[in-house]
Amino acid sequence: MSADEHAPNAVTGEFLVCLADEVPWRDVRHTVDTLVATHGGTVMTILETLPGFGVRATGEQALAYAADPAVGAVEESRRTR
């Protein structure tokens, strides 16, 4: 993902951050708190079963999340019909 790439139906400034497989479910909230304190943004929701979270962030912050070893993937949120 680059700061200039946008998915179809993307919601600008909103991202889904999926945590790395190595993060145990019992550590999801702590990991989210640590990531947001490190990279910035505003948590919209925490998805413990995914595990991951929705965050309002800049493209630059999203790239920082994607480079963090605690993160498995970052995707721009999308509108659904």
C-alpha atoms as a PDB file:
ATOM      1  CA  MET A   1       0.000   0.000   0.000  1.00  0.00           C
ATOM      2  CA  SER A   2       1.276   3.478  -0.781  1.00  0.00           C
ATOM      3  CA  ALA A   3       0.001   6.755   0.610  1.00  0.00           C
ATOM      4  CA  ASP A   4      -1.502   7.560  -2.818  1.00  0.00           C
ATOM      5  CA  GLU A   5      -3.307   4.228  -3.440  1.00  0.00           C
ATOM      6  CA  HIS A   6      -7.057   4.077  -2.856  1.00  0.00           C
ATOM      7  CA  ALA A   7      -9.329   1.058  -3.025  1.00  0.00           C
ATOM      8  CA  PRO A   8     -12.631   1.241  -4.903  1.00  0.00           C
ATOM      9  CA  ASN A   9     -15.324   2.778  -2.641  1.00  0.00           C
ATOM     10  CA  ALA A  10     -12.597   3.771  -0.152  1.00  0.00           C
ATOM     11  CA  VAL A  11     -13.459   5.845   2.894  1.00  0.00           C
ATOM     12  CA  THR A  12     -10.638   8.373   3.004  1.00  0.00           C
ATOM     13  CA  GLY A  13      -8.864   8.466   6.338  1.00  0.00           C
ATOM     14  CA  GLU A  14     -10.393   5.283   7.757  1.00  0.00           C
ATOM     15  CA  PHE A  15      -8.439   2.021   7.928  1.00  0.00           C
ATOM     16  CA  LEU A  16      -8.846  -1.546   9.145  1.00  0.00           C
ATOM     17  CA  VAL A  17      -5.683  -2.714  10.893  1.00  0.00           C
ATOM     18  CA  CYS A  18      -5.357  -6.497  11.226  1.00  0.00           C
ATOM     19  CA  LEU A  19      -2.919  -7.588  13.904  1.00  0.00           C
ATOM     20  CA  ALA A  20      -0.180 -10.126  13.231  1.00  0.00           C
ATOM     21  CA  ASP A  21      -0.998 -13.787  13.863  1.00  0.00           C
ATOM     22  CA  GLU A  22       1.526 -13.803  16.710  1.00  0.00           C
ATOM     23  CA  VAL A  23      -0.585 -11.404  18.816  1.00  0.00           C
ATOM     24  CA  PRO A  24      -2.612 -13.509  21.289  1.00  0.00           C
ATOM     25  CA  TRP A  25      -6.298 -12.584  21.580  1.00  0.00           C
ATOM     26  CA  ARG A  26      -5.810 -11.724  25.282  1.00  0.00           C
ATOM     27  CA  ASP A  27      -3.301  -9.000  24.258  1.00  0.00           C
ATOM     28  CA  VAL A  28      -5.431  -7.335  21.563  1.00  0.00           C
ATOM     29  CA  ARG A  29      -6.526  -4.281  23.577  1.00  0.00           C
ATOM     30  CA  HIS A  30      -3.042  -3.661  24.970  1.00  0.00           C
ATOM     31  CA  THR A  31      -1.512  -4.037  21.486  1.00  0.00           C
ATOM     32  CA  VAL A  32      -4.049  -1.600  19.993  1.00  0.00           C
ATOM     33  CA  ASP A  33      -3.329   0.941  22.754  1.00  0.00           C
ATOM     34  CA  THR A  34       0.416   0.612  22.156  1.00  0.00           C
ATOM     35  CA  LEU A  35       0.090   0.939  18.370  1.00  0.00           C
ATOM     36  CA  VAL A  36      -2.102   4.045  18.583  1.00  0.00           C
ATOM     37  CA  ALA A  37       0.221   5.648  21.151  1.00  0.00           C
ATOM     38  CA  THR A  38       3.142   4.969  18.796  1.00  0.00           C
ATOM     39  CA  HIS A  39       1.637   5.804  15.381  1.00  0.00           C
ATOM     40  CA  GLY A  40      -1.308   8.105  16.172  1.00  0.00           C
ATOM     41  CA  GLY A  41      -4.860   8.149  14.913  1.00  0.00           C
ATOM     42  CA  THR A  42      -8.216   7.639  16.625  1.00  0.00           C
ATOM     43  CA  VAL A  43      -9.579   4.175  17.349  1.00  0.00           C
ATOM     44  CA  MET A  44     -13.115   3.709  16.010  1.00  0.00           C
ATOM     45  CA  THR A  45     -13.625   0.095  17.098  1.00  0.00           C
ATOM     46  CA  ILE A  46     -11.651  -2.861  18.406  1.00  0.00           C
ATOM     47  CA  LEU A  47     -12.339  -6.251  16.814  1.00  0.00           C
ATOM     48  CA  GLU A  48     -10.999  -8.805  19.271  1.00  0.00           C
ATOM     49  CA  THR A  49     -12.121 -11.808  17.219  1.00  0.00           C
ATOM     50  CA  LEU A  50     -10.390 -10.613  14.017  1.00  0.00           C
ATOM     51  CA  PRO A  51      -8.065  -9.507  15.805  1.00  0.00           C
ATOM     52  CA  GLY A  52      -7.736  -5.923  14.707  1.00  0.00           C
ATOM     53  CA  PHE A  53      -9.227  -2.453  14.889  1.00  0.00           C
ATOM     54  CA  GLY A  54     -10.695   0.381  12.882  1.00  0.00           C
ATOM     55  CA  VAL A  55      -8.802   3.651  13.030  1.00  0.00           C
ATOM     56  CA  ARG A  56      -9.099   7.174  11.663  1.00  0.00           C
ATOM     57  CA  ALA A  57      -5.611   8.067  10.476  1.00  0.00           C
ATOM     58  CA  THR A  58      -3.624   9.791   7.774  1.00  0.00           C
ATOM     59  CA  GLY A  59      -2.115   7.824   4.904  1.00  0.00           C
ATOM     60  CA  GLU A  60       1.302   8.363   6.463  1.00  0.00           C
ATOM     61  CA  GLN A  61       0.111   6.927   9.781  1.00  0.00           C
ATOM     62  CA  ALA A  62      -1.421   3.945   7.944  1.00  0.00           C
ATOM     63  CA  LEU A  63       1.953   3.244   6.327  1.00  0.00           C
ATOM     64  CA  ALA A  64       3.596   3.362   9.764  1.00  0.00           C
ATOM     65  CA  TYR A  65       1.044   0.837  11.055  1.00  0.00           C
ATOM     66  CA  ALA A  66       1.720  -1.410   8.056  1.00  0.00           C
ATOM     67  CA  ALA A  67       5.465  -1.373   8.787  1.00  0.00           C
ATOM     68  CA  ASP A  68       4.991  -2.332  12.457  1.00  0.00           C
ATOM     69  CA  PRO A  69       5.806  -6.007  13.224  1.00  0.00           C
ATOM     70  CA  ALA A  70       2.666  -6.285  15.419  1.00  0.00           C
ATOM     71  CA  VAL A  71       0.520  -5.617  12.316  1.00  0.00           C
ATOM     72  CA  GLY A  72      -0.363  -8.210   9.696  1.00  0.00           C
ATOM     73  CA  ALA A  73      -2.194  -5.950   7.227  1.00  0.00           C
ATOM     74  CA  VAL A  74      -3.726  -2.509   6.776  1.00  0.00           C
ATOM     75  CA  GLU A  75      -6.640  -1.852   4.423  1.00  0.00           C
ATOM     76  CA  GLU A  76      -8.550   1.310   3.678  1.00  0.00           C
ATOM     77  CA  SER A  77     -12.160   1.059   4.846  1.00  0.00           C
ATOM     78  CA  ARG A  78     -14.720   0.755   2.055  1.00  0.00           C
ATOM     79  CA  ARG A  79     -18.329   1.754   1.653  1.00  0.00           C
ATOM     80  CA  THR A  80     -20.776  -1.063   1.011  1.00  0.00           C
ATOM     81  CA  ARG A  81     -24.117  -0.784  -0.692  1.00  0.00           C
END
